[in-house]
Amino acid sequence: MEYYQYFRLDGPPFQPAAPDGAVYFSPTHLQGLATLEAGLAGDLNGLTLLTGEAGTGKTTLIYSLLQRDFKRVRIAHIDDPKLSFLEIMRVILAQMNLYCAGSTKLDYLKTLDHLLELHGKEERIAIVVDE
């Protein structure tokens, strides 16, 4: 029997964050989550940045944010920033259920721009990049 089973845990503790994992929110984590939520619900002024040392819970906060049901918010999540620009654009378009007839940088940007023109006033469009 593994030690974590003895303590009735689902798996070994202190592992990298998982989208459906249990989370303990310290006061600092709650403040970080509130900052991210404000970035999605606040004024349309562009960028919300959450920084911290490795292992402080940034990815855990992102997963928690992505599990919430925000009204009129469409979110794409990039968890591998080492992708090329075109690969990142493909991920964004796929997660936002957008079809692009072409496969060039300009085609992808036009498709995303069209989404913003059609829905940008009624719907928040967010791209979350987890370094």
C-alpha atoms as a PDB file:
ATOM      1  CA  MET A   1       0.000   0.000   0.000  1.00  0.00           C
ATOM      2  CA  GLU A   2       1.309   3.419  -0.967  1.00  0.00           C
ATOM      3  CA  TYR A   3       1.589   6.010   1.794  1.00  0.00           C
ATOM      4  CA  TYR A   4      -0.928   8.301   0.122  1.00  0.00           C
ATOM      5  CA  GLN A   5      -3.501   5.499   0.119  1.00  0.00           C
ATOM      6  CA  TYR A   6      -2.893   5.031   3.834  1.00  0.00           C
ATOM      7  CA  PHE A   7      -3.797   8.700   4.352  1.00  0.00           C
ATOM      8  CA  ARG A   8      -6.797   8.333   1.989  1.00  0.00           C
ATOM      9  CA  LEU A   9      -5.406  10.708  -0.622  1.00  0.00           C
ATOM     10  CA  ASP A  10      -6.260  10.302  -4.316  1.00  0.00           C
ATOM     11  CA  GLY A  11      -2.582  10.395  -5.258  1.00  0.00           C
ATOM     12  CA  PRO A  12       0.805  11.545  -4.098  1.00  0.00           C
ATOM     13  CA  PRO A  13       0.705  15.063  -2.628  1.00  0.00           C
ATOM     14  CA  PHE A  14       2.752  17.990  -3.921  1.00  0.00           C
ATOM     15  CA  GLN A  15       2.483  17.035  -7.579  1.00  0.00           C
ATOM     16  CA  PRO A  16       2.065  19.534 -10.429  1.00  0.00           C
ATOM     17  CA  ALA A  17      -1.403  21.012 -10.713  1.00  0.00           C
ATOM     18  CA  ALA A  18      -4.122  19.038 -12.459  1.00  0.00           C
ATOM     19  CA  PRO A  19      -7.268  20.563 -13.979  1.00  0.00           C
ATOM     20  CA  ASP A  20      -9.532  18.595 -11.629  1.00  0.00           C
ATOM     21  CA  GLY A  21      -7.302  18.439  -8.563  1.00  0.00           C
ATOM     22  CA  ALA A  22      -8.221  19.529  -5.064  1.00  0.00           C
ATOM     23  CA  VAL A  23      -7.042  23.005  -4.177  1.00  0.00           C
ATOM     24  CA  TYR A  24      -6.250  24.796  -0.942  1.00  0.00           C
ATOM     25  CA  PHE A  25      -6.611  28.540  -1.323  1.00  0.00           C
ATOM     26  CA  SER A  26      -4.412  30.523   1.033  1.00  0.00           C
ATOM     27  CA  PRO A  27      -5.223  34.240   1.418  1.00  0.00           C
ATOM     28  CA  THR A  28      -2.531  34.992  -1.180  1.00  0.00           C
ATOM     29  CA  HIS A  29      -4.045  32.479  -3.609  1.00  0.00           C
ATOM     30  CA  LEU A  30      -7.488  34.001  -3.106  1.00  0.00           C
ATOM     31  CA  GLN A  31      -6.056  37.436  -3.885  1.00  0.00           C
ATOM     32  CA  GLY A  32      -4.403  36.093  -7.059  1.00  0.00           C
ATOM     33  CA  LEU A  33      -7.630  34.399  -8.147  1.00  0.00           C
ATOM     34  CA  ALA A  34      -9.576  37.599  -7.506  1.00  0.00           C
ATOM     35  CA  THR A  35      -7.077  39.476  -9.683  1.00  0.00           C
ATOM     36  CA  LEU A  36      -7.539  37.003 -12.531  1.00  0.00           C
ATOM     37  CA  GLU A  37     -11.326  37.131 -12.201  1.00  0.00           C
ATOM     38  CA  ALA A  38     -11.253  40.926 -12.217  1.00  0.00           C
ATOM     39  CA  GLY A  39      -9.238  40.759 -15.423  1.00  0.00           C
ATOM     40  CA  LEU A  40     -12.052  38.767 -17.026  1.00  0.00           C
ATOM     41  CA  ALA A  41     -14.928  40.776 -15.614  1.00  0.00           C
ATOM     42  CA  GLY A  42     -13.470  44.295 -15.454  1.00  0.00           C
ATOM     43  CA  ASP A  43     -13.027  47.036 -17.990  1.00  0.00           C
ATOM     44  CA  LEU A  44     -11.743  46.120 -21.429  1.00  0.00           C
ATOM     45  CA  ASN A  45      -8.242  47.423 -20.972  1.00  0.00           C
ATOM     46  CA  GLY A  46      -6.192  44.548 -22.285  1.00  0.00           C
ATOM     47  CA  LEU A  47      -3.862  42.623 -20.053  1.00  0.00           C
ATOM     48  CA  THR A  48      -3.868  40.975 -16.650  1.00  0.00           C
ATOM     49  CA  LEU A  49      -0.537  39.595 -15.486  1.00  0.00           C
ATOM     50  CA  LEU A  50      -0.001  37.204 -12.587  1.00  0.00           C
ATOM     51  CA  THR A  51       3.607  36.442 -11.713  1.00  0.00           C
ATOM     52  CA  GLY A  52       5.327  34.411  -9.044  1.00  0.00           C
ATOM     53  CA  GLU A  53       8.137  31.986  -8.336  1.00  0.00           C
ATOM     54  CA  ALA A  54       7.956  28.433  -9.652  1.00  0.00           C
ATOM     55  CA  GLY A  55       5.730  26.271  -7.493  1.00  0.00           C
ATOM     56  CA  THR A  56       3.693  29.084  -5.948  1.00  0.00           C
ATOM     57  CA  GLY A  57       0.394  28.001  -7.523  1.00  0.00           C
ATOM     58  CA  LYS A  58      -0.030  30.040 -10.706  1.00  0.00           C
ATOM     59  CA  THR A  59      -1.065  27.011 -12.790  1.00  0.00           C
ATOM     60  CA  THR A  60      -3.403  25.854 -10.020  1.00  0.00           C
ATOM     61  CA  LEU A  61      -5.097  29.268 -10.064  1.00  0.00           C
ATOM     62  CA  ILE A  62      -5.441  29.124 -13.849  1.00  0.00           C
ATOM     63  CA  TYR A  63      -7.088  25.690 -13.665  1.00  0.00           C
ATOM     64  CA  SER A  64      -9.445  26.978 -10.994  1.00  0.00           C
ATOM     65  CA  LEU A  65     -10.281  29.986 -13.145  1.00  0.00           C
ATOM     66  CA  LEU A  66     -10.952  27.795 -16.195  1.00  0.00           C
ATOM     67  CA  GLN A  67     -13.402  25.607 -14.236  1.00  0.00           C
ATOM     68  CA  ARG A  68     -15.618  28.569 -13.391  1.00  0.00           C
ATOM     69  CA  ASP A  69     -18.632  29.450 -15.500  1.00  0.00           C
ATOM     70  CA  PHE A  70     -18.204  33.035 -16.613  1.00  0.00           C
ATOM     71  CA  LYS A  71     -21.136  34.567 -18.418  1.00  0.00           C
ATOM     72  CA  ARG A  72     -20.311  35.959 -21.843  1.00  0.00           C
ATOM     73  CA  VAL A  73     -16.611  35.077 -21.631  1.00  0.00           C
ATOM     74  CA  ARG A  74     -14.817  32.906 -24.171  1.00  0.00           C
ATOM     75  CA  ILE A  75     -11.443  31.622 -22.987  1.00  0.00           C
ATOM     76  CA  ALA A  76      -8.606  29.913 -24.829  1.00  0.00           C
ATOM     77  CA  HIS A  77      -5.859  28.356 -22.709  1.00  0.00           C
ATOM     78  CA  ILE A  78      -2.279  28.004 -23.955  1.00  0.00           C
ATOM     79  CA  ASP A  79      -0.277  25.742 -21.666  1.00  0.00           C
ATOM     80  CA  ASP A  80       2.780  25.428 -23.908  1.00  0.00           C
ATOM     81  CA  PRO A  81       4.196  28.860 -24.767  1.00  0.00           C
ATOM     82  CA  LYS A  82       7.019  27.188 -26.712  1.00  0.00           C
ATOM     83  CA  LEU A  83       4.628  26.628 -29.602  1.00  0.00           C
ATOM     84  CA  SER A  84       5.174  28.662 -32.722  1.00  0.00           C
ATOM     85  CA  PHE A  85       2.875  31.602 -33.411  1.00  0.00           C
ATOM     86  CA  LEU A  86       0.919  29.577 -35.980  1.00  0.00           C
ATOM     87  CA  GLU A  87       0.539  26.664 -33.558  1.00  0.00           C
ATOM     88  CA  ILE A  88      -0.685  29.014 -30.829  1.00  0.00           C
ATOM     89  CA  MET A  89      -3.187  30.556 -33.237  1.00  0.00           C
ATOM     90  CA  ARG A  90      -4.456  27.072 -34.222  1.00  0.00           C
ATOM     91  CA  VAL A  91      -4.980  26.198 -30.541  1.00  0.00           C
ATOM     92  CA  ILE A  92      -6.809  29.468 -29.892  1.00  0.00           C
ATOM     93  CA  LEU A  93      -9.101  29.071 -32.899  1.00  0.00           C
ATOM     94  CA  ALA A  94      -9.839  25.431 -32.048  1.00  0.00           C
ATOM     95  CA  GLN A  95     -10.660  26.205 -28.408  1.00  0.00           C
ATOM     96  CA  MET A  96     -12.944  29.041 -29.470  1.00  0.00           C
ATOM     97  CA  ASN A  97     -14.648  26.787 -32.035  1.00  0.00           C
ATOM     98  CA  LEU A  98     -13.659  28.990 -34.945  1.00  0.00           C
ATOM     99  CA  TYR A  99     -13.205  27.749 -38.497  1.00  0.00           C
ATOM    100  CA  CYS A 100     -10.488  29.270 -40.633  1.00  0.00           C
ATOM    101  CA  ALA A 101     -10.499  28.635 -44.373  1.00  0.00           C
ATOM    102  CA  GLY A 102      -6.788  29.410 -44.750  1.00  0.00           C
ATOM    103  CA  SER A 103      -3.675  28.380 -42.897  1.00  0.00           C
ATOM    104  CA  THR A 104      -1.501  31.474 -42.929  1.00  0.00           C
ATOM    105  CA  LYS A 105      -0.767  33.926 -40.141  1.00  0.00           C
ATOM    106  CA  LEU A 106      -2.938  36.518 -41.870  1.00  0.00           C
ATOM    107  CA  ASP A 107      -5.835  34.046 -42.246  1.00  0.00           C
ATOM    108  CA  TYR A 108      -5.736  33.219 -38.531  1.00  0.00           C
ATOM    109  CA  LEU A 109      -5.542  36.880 -37.513  1.00  0.00           C
ATOM    110  CA  LYS A 110      -8.463  37.776 -39.804  1.00  0.00           C
ATOM    111  CA  THR A 111     -10.555  34.978 -38.286  1.00  0.00           C
ATOM    112  CA  LEU A 112      -9.797  36.139 -34.753  1.00  0.00           C
ATOM    113  CA  ASP A 113     -10.420  39.751 -35.734  1.00  0.00           C
ATOM    114  CA  HIS A 114     -13.780  38.750 -37.234  1.00  0.00           C
ATOM    115  CA  LEU A 115     -14.725  37.115 -33.919  1.00  0.00           C
ATOM    116  CA  LEU A 116     -13.825  40.301 -32.066  1.00  0.00           C
ATOM    117  CA  GLU A 117     -15.867  42.411 -34.482  1.00  0.00           C
ATOM    118  CA  LEU A 118     -18.934  40.175 -34.159  1.00  0.00           C
ATOM    119  CA  HIS A 119     -18.834  39.392 -30.460  1.00  0.00           C
ATOM    120  CA  GLY A 120     -16.363  41.790 -28.862  1.00  0.00           C
ATOM    121  CA  LYS A 121     -19.041  44.100 -27.483  1.00  0.00           C
ATOM    122  CA  GLU A 122     -21.277  41.374 -26.025  1.00  0.00           C
ATOM    123  CA  GLU A 123     -18.673  38.813 -25.085  1.00  0.00           C
ATOM    124  CA  ARG A 124     -15.241  38.952 -23.447  1.00  0.00           C
ATOM    125  CA  ILE A 125     -12.552  37.136 -25.408  1.00  0.00           C
ATOM    126  CA  ALA A 126      -9.631  35.984 -23.240  1.00  0.00           C
ATOM    127  CA  ILE A 127      -6.418  34.134 -23.992  1.00  0.00           C
ATOM    128  CA  VAL A 128      -4.728  32.658 -20.918  1.00  0.00           C
ATOM    129  CA  VAL A 129      -1.052  31.771 -21.358  1.00  0.00           C
ATOM    130  CA  ASP A 130       0.548  29.633 -18.683  1.00  0.00           C
ATOM    131  CA  GLU A 131       4.289  29.945 -18.920  1.00  0.00           C
END
